[in-house]
Amino acid sequence: MFFPQFAARVKAALGKLAQSGFFRSAAEKAGELRDRLWLVVDRLMEKLPPEKRLMVLGAAVGVCAVFVLVLTGIYLMTESDKGREGAAAETVRQGYIPPDDLFLPNEPDFVPGILLEREQRTEWTADDAAPLWQDPLRNGEEPWRNRIERTIDEIMESVP
């Protein structure tokens, strides 16, 4: 799905470049650049051992290919941004902005309300609270005392 759209955009961009005469001037400059680069490459290849020449040539071709792809991507992104800006400006000029563009949709109400199954008690007895209460001193106070002292020591050590 993405590739046919990308290929169509590349084809359209290359068509625009061809109509603007970009390729003629670029071909002339590329010819000059090619001649200069060929001289540099020849000099470098003479200095390299034969077993490393192919590796260096492959790396250079890879770097050039990545460079061309990056330039093509940048050009396509700027062209698509121009198209978006044009469509937005046209919408504003017509005086119509869809409400969906201005307002966010309502969030779903996912928090349930409070269900009162019984009336709240105004007073609690010890028997009422017994199932909900756990006595911290049931196992003695020593574990709690040690924990409190350890926490106090940590806090005091962190004070400058």
C-alpha atoms as a PDB file:
ATOM      1  CA  MET A   1       0.000   0.000   0.000  1.00  0.00           C
ATOM      2  CA  PHE A   2       2.807   2.408   0.841  1.00  0.00           C
ATOM      3  CA  PHE A   3       5.101   1.507  -2.058  1.00  0.00           C
ATOM      4  CA  PRO A   4       2.710   2.358  -4.959  1.00  0.00           C
ATOM      5  CA  GLN A   5       2.006   5.774  -3.394  1.00  0.00           C
ATOM      6  CA  PHE A   6       5.726   6.357  -2.854  1.00  0.00           C
ATOM      7  CA  ALA A   7       6.525   5.303  -6.431  1.00  0.00           C
ATOM      8  CA  ALA A   8       3.852   7.642  -7.799  1.00  0.00           C
ATOM      9  CA  ARG A   9       5.234  10.535  -5.762  1.00  0.00           C
ATOM     10  CA  VAL A  10       8.790   9.818  -6.970  1.00  0.00           C
ATOM     11  CA  LYS A  11       7.588   9.681 -10.571  1.00  0.00           C
ATOM     12  CA  ALA A  12       5.716  12.978 -10.188  1.00  0.00           C
ATOM     13  CA  ALA A  13       8.705  14.648  -8.552  1.00  0.00           C
ATOM     14  CA  LEU A  14      11.064  13.468 -11.296  1.00  0.00           C
ATOM     15  CA  GLY A  15       8.599  14.732 -13.908  1.00  0.00           C
ATOM     16  CA  LYS A  16       8.554  18.182 -12.317  1.00  0.00           C
ATOM     17  CA  LEU A  17      12.349  18.229 -12.215  1.00  0.00           C
ATOM     18  CA  ALA A  18      12.562  17.225 -15.890  1.00  0.00           C
ATOM     19  CA  GLN A  19      10.186  20.014 -16.941  1.00  0.00           C
ATOM     20  CA  SER A  20      12.139  22.636 -15.021  1.00  0.00           C
ATOM     21  CA  GLY A  21      15.372  21.903 -16.930  1.00  0.00           C
ATOM     22  CA  PHE A  22      17.004  20.743 -13.735  1.00  0.00           C
ATOM     23  CA  PHE A  23      18.381  17.601 -15.349  1.00  0.00           C
ATOM     24  CA  ARG A  24      20.182  19.471 -18.164  1.00  0.00           C
ATOM     25  CA  SER A  25      22.074  21.775 -15.811  1.00  0.00           C
ATOM     26  CA  ALA A  26      22.536  18.971 -13.314  1.00  0.00           C
ATOM     27  CA  ALA A  27      23.913  16.706 -16.051  1.00  0.00           C
ATOM     28  CA  GLU A  28      26.511  19.304 -17.023  1.00  0.00           C
ATOM     29  CA  LYS A  29      27.587  19.824 -13.424  1.00  0.00           C
ATOM     30  CA  ALA A  30      27.522  16.100 -12.794  1.00  0.00           C
ATOM     31  CA  GLY A  31      29.810  15.578 -15.784  1.00  0.00           C
ATOM     32  CA  GLU A  32      32.338  18.037 -14.389  1.00  0.00           C
ATOM     33  CA  LEU A  33      32.058  16.512 -10.931  1.00  0.00           C
ATOM     34  CA  ARG A  34      32.391  13.000 -12.369  1.00  0.00           C
ATOM     35  CA  ASP A  35      35.638  13.942 -14.163  1.00  0.00           C
ATOM     36  CA  ARG A  36      37.111  15.443 -10.992  1.00  0.00           C
ATOM     37  CA  LEU A  37      36.029  12.518  -8.856  1.00  0.00           C
ATOM     38  CA  TRP A  38      37.402  10.032 -11.374  1.00  0.00           C
ATOM     39  CA  LEU A  39      40.836  11.615 -11.093  1.00  0.00           C
ATOM     40  CA  VAL A  40      40.685  11.425  -7.286  1.00  0.00           C
ATOM     41  CA  VAL A  41      39.428   7.838  -7.386  1.00  0.00           C
ATOM     42  CA  ASP A  42      42.193   6.831  -9.817  1.00  0.00           C
ATOM     43  CA  ARG A  43      44.843   8.285  -7.528  1.00  0.00           C
ATOM     44  CA  LEU A  44      43.365   6.565  -4.469  1.00  0.00           C
ATOM     45  CA  MET A  45      42.994   3.221  -6.234  1.00  0.00           C
ATOM     46  CA  GLU A  46      46.657   3.297  -7.278  1.00  0.00           C
ATOM     47  CA  LYS A  47      47.659   3.646  -3.627  1.00  0.00           C
ATOM     48  CA  LEU A  48      45.393   0.815  -2.371  1.00  0.00           C
ATOM     49  CA  PRO A  49      46.340  -2.860  -2.497  1.00  0.00           C
ATOM     50  CA  PRO A  50      44.315  -4.822  -5.110  1.00  0.00           C
ATOM     51  CA  GLU A  51      42.381  -6.866  -2.524  1.00  0.00           C
ATOM     52  CA  LYS A  52      40.938  -3.730  -0.864  1.00  0.00           C
ATOM     53  CA  ARG A  53      39.951  -1.856  -4.038  1.00  0.00           C
ATOM     54  CA  LEU A  54      36.648  -3.663  -4.476  1.00  0.00           C
ATOM     55  CA  MET A  55      35.666  -3.110  -0.855  1.00  0.00           C
ATOM     56  CA  VAL A  56      36.405   0.631  -1.037  1.00  0.00           C
ATOM     57  CA  LEU A  57      34.548   0.977  -4.334  1.00  0.00           C
ATOM     58  CA  GLY A  58      31.490  -0.832  -2.883  1.00  0.00           C
ATOM     59  CA  ALA A  59      31.487   1.399   0.186  1.00  0.00           C
ATOM     60  CA  ALA A  60      31.689   4.527  -1.987  1.00  0.00           C
ATOM     61  CA  VAL A  61      28.789   3.364  -4.152  1.00  0.00           C
ATOM     62  CA  GLY A  62      26.746   2.598  -1.004  1.00  0.00           C
ATOM     63  CA  VAL A  63      27.423   6.046   0.462  1.00  0.00           C
ATOM     64  CA  CYS A  64      26.419   7.704  -2.815  1.00  0.00           C
ATOM     65  CA  ALA A  65      23.215   5.659  -2.992  1.00  0.00           C
ATOM     66  CA  VAL A  66      22.266   6.607   0.567  1.00  0.00           C
ATOM     67  CA  PHE A  67      23.013  10.261  -0.202  1.00  0.00           C
ATOM     68  CA  VAL A  68      20.753  10.206  -3.277  1.00  0.00           C
ATOM     69  CA  LEU A  69      17.966   8.500  -1.307  1.00  0.00           C
ATOM     70  CA  VAL A  70      18.203  11.068   1.495  1.00  0.00           C
ATOM     71  CA  LEU A  71      18.052  13.962  -0.965  1.00  0.00           C
ATOM     72  CA  THR A  72      15.061  12.390  -2.727  1.00  0.00           C
ATOM     73  CA  GLY A  73      13.296  11.875   0.615  1.00  0.00           C
ATOM     74  CA  ILE A  74      13.914  15.474   1.677  1.00  0.00           C
ATOM     75  CA  TYR A  75      12.570  16.765  -1.624  1.00  0.00           C
ATOM     76  CA  LEU A  76       9.463  14.578  -1.395  1.00  0.00           C
ATOM     77  CA  MET A  77       8.771  15.641   2.191  1.00  0.00           C
ATOM     78  CA  THR A  78       8.986  19.323   1.312  1.00  0.00           C
ATOM     79  CA  GLU A  79       6.705  18.819  -1.693  1.00  0.00           C
ATOM     80  CA  SER A  80       4.108  16.973   0.395  1.00  0.00           C
ATOM     81  CA  ASP A  81       4.258  19.723   3.052  1.00  0.00           C
ATOM     82  CA  LYS A  82       3.581  22.344   0.378  1.00  0.00           C
ATOM     83  CA  GLY A  83       0.561  20.356  -0.753  1.00  0.00           C
ATOM     84  CA  ARG A  84      -0.805  20.148   2.793  1.00  0.00           C
ATOM     85  CA  GLU A  85      -0.298  23.851   3.380  1.00  0.00           C
ATOM     86  CA  GLY A  86      -2.080  24.620   0.128  1.00  0.00           C
ATOM     87  CA  ALA A  87      -5.082  22.469   1.049  1.00  0.00           C
ATOM     88  CA  ALA A  88      -5.312  24.042   4.509  1.00  0.00           C
ATOM     89  CA  ALA A  89      -5.073  27.550   3.095  1.00  0.00           C
ATOM     90  CA  GLU A  90      -7.760  26.736   0.544  1.00  0.00           C
ATOM     91  CA  THR A  91     -10.065  25.480   3.311  1.00  0.00           C
ATOM     92  CA  VAL A  92      -9.579  28.684   5.292  1.00  0.00           C
ATOM     93  CA  ARG A  93     -10.134  30.839   2.178  1.00  0.00           C
ATOM     94  CA  GLN A  94     -13.437  29.087   1.540  1.00  0.00           C
ATOM     95  CA  GLY A  95     -14.508  30.014   5.059  1.00  0.00           C
ATOM     96  CA  TYR A  96     -15.340  26.474   6.077  1.00  0.00           C
ATOM     97  CA  ILE A  97     -13.468  24.629   8.776  1.00  0.00           C
ATOM     98  CA  PRO A  98     -14.963  21.291   9.726  1.00  0.00           C
ATOM     99  CA  PRO A  99     -15.958  21.079  13.411  1.00  0.00           C
ATOM    100  CA  ASP A 100     -13.961  17.846  13.744  1.00  0.00           C
ATOM    101  CA  ASP A 101     -10.772  19.878  13.159  1.00  0.00           C
ATOM    102  CA  LEU A 102     -11.615  22.333  15.947  1.00  0.00           C
ATOM    103  CA  PHE A 103     -13.060  20.167  18.711  1.00  0.00           C
ATOM    104  CA  LEU A 104     -11.850  16.952  20.239  1.00  0.00           C
ATOM    105  CA  PRO A 105     -14.407  14.164  20.470  1.00  0.00           C
ATOM    106  CA  ASN A 106     -15.947  13.478  23.876  1.00  0.00           C
ATOM    107  CA  GLU A 107     -14.154  10.895  25.950  1.00  0.00           C
ATOM    108  CA  PRO A 108     -16.080   7.743  26.781  1.00  0.00           C
ATOM    109  CA  ASP A 109     -17.533   7.662  30.260  1.00  0.00           C
ATOM    110  CA  PHE A 110     -15.613   4.703  31.644  1.00  0.00           C
ATOM    111  CA  VAL A 111     -15.743   5.569  35.363  1.00  0.00           C
ATOM    112  CA  PRO A 112     -18.774   3.956  36.954  1.00  0.00           C
ATOM    113  CA  GLY A 113     -20.874   5.926  39.392  1.00  0.00           C
ATOM    114  CA  ILE A 114     -21.084   5.172  43.104  1.00  0.00           C
ATOM    115  CA  LEU A 115     -23.334   2.276  43.939  1.00  0.00           C
ATOM    116  CA  LEU A 116     -24.775   2.597  47.415  1.00  0.00           C
ATOM    117  CA  GLU A 117     -25.818  -0.869  48.517  1.00  0.00           C
ATOM    118  CA  ARG A 118     -26.508   0.183  52.080  1.00  0.00           C
ATOM    119  CA  GLU A 119     -26.722   3.348  54.045  1.00  0.00           C
ATOM    120  CA  GLN A 120     -23.569   4.779  55.557  1.00  0.00           C
ATOM    121  CA  ARG A 121     -23.138   4.238  59.261  1.00  0.00           C
ATOM    122  CA  THR A 122     -22.825   7.280  61.420  1.00  0.00           C
ATOM    123  CA  GLU A 123     -21.290   5.332  64.316  1.00  0.00           C
ATOM    124  CA  TRP A 124     -19.068   2.258  64.350  1.00  0.00           C
ATOM    125  CA  THR A 125     -18.710  -0.189  67.201  1.00  0.00           C
ATOM    126  CA  ALA A 126     -15.653  -2.322  67.883  1.00  0.00           C
ATOM    127  CA  ASP A 127     -17.558  -5.380  66.624  1.00  0.00           C
ATOM    128  CA  ASP A 128     -18.369  -3.583  63.324  1.00  0.00           C
ATOM    129  CA  ALA A 129     -14.722  -2.664  62.746  1.00  0.00           C
ATOM    130  CA  ALA A 130     -13.271  -6.034  63.826  1.00  0.00           C
ATOM    131  CA  PRO A 131     -13.283  -7.660  60.320  1.00  0.00           C
ATOM    132  CA  LEU A 132     -11.520  -4.605  58.850  1.00  0.00           C
ATOM    133  CA  TRP A 133      -8.965  -4.052  61.616  1.00  0.00           C
ATOM    134  CA  GLN A 134      -5.592  -5.764  61.946  1.00  0.00           C
ATOM    135  CA  ASP A 135      -3.778  -5.199  65.206  1.00  0.00           C
ATOM    136  CA  PRO A 136      -0.200  -4.093  64.393  1.00  0.00           C
ATOM    137  CA  LEU A 137       1.029  -5.152  67.827  1.00  0.00           C
ATOM    138  CA  ARG A 138      -0.312  -8.695  67.525  1.00  0.00           C
ATOM    139  CA  ASN A 139       3.251 -10.007  66.929  1.00  0.00           C
ATOM    140  CA  GLY A 140       4.797  -7.572  69.384  1.00  0.00           C
ATOM    141  CA  GLU A 141       6.174  -4.113  68.965  1.00  0.00           C
ATOM    142  CA  GLU A 142       9.792  -5.099  68.266  1.00  0.00           C
ATOM    143  CA  PRO A 143       9.473  -5.471  64.424  1.00  0.00           C
ATOM    144  CA  TRP A 144       7.789  -2.061  64.198  1.00  0.00           C
ATOM    145  CA  ARG A 145      10.341  -0.420  66.455  1.00  0.00           C
ATOM    146  CA  ASN A 146      13.219  -1.833  64.350  1.00  0.00           C
ATOM    147  CA  ARG A 147      11.582  -0.663  61.132  1.00  0.00           C
ATOM    148  CA  ILE A 148      10.998   2.845  62.508  1.00  0.00           C
ATOM    149  CA  GLU A 149      14.575   3.130  63.788  1.00  0.00           C
ATOM    150  CA  ARG A 150      15.971   1.911  60.463  1.00  0.00           C
ATOM    151  CA  THR A 151      13.904   4.531  58.576  1.00  0.00           C
ATOM    152  CA  ILE A 152      15.043   7.297  60.950  1.00  0.00           C
ATOM    153  CA  ASP A 153      18.676   6.227  60.503  1.00  0.00           C
ATOM    154  CA  GLU A 154      18.326   6.341  56.685  1.00  0.00           C
ATOM    155  CA  ILE A 155      16.780   9.813  56.834  1.00  0.00           C
ATOM    156  CA  MET A 156      19.465  11.113  59.218  1.00  0.00           C
ATOM    157  CA  GLU A 157      22.270   9.679  57.033  1.00  0.00           C
ATOM    158  CA  SER A 158      20.926  11.481  53.978  1.00  0.00           C
ATOM    159  CA  VAL A 159      20.978  14.866  55.745  1.00  0.00           C
ATOM    160  CA  PRO A 160      24.146  16.815  54.799  1.00  0.00           C
END
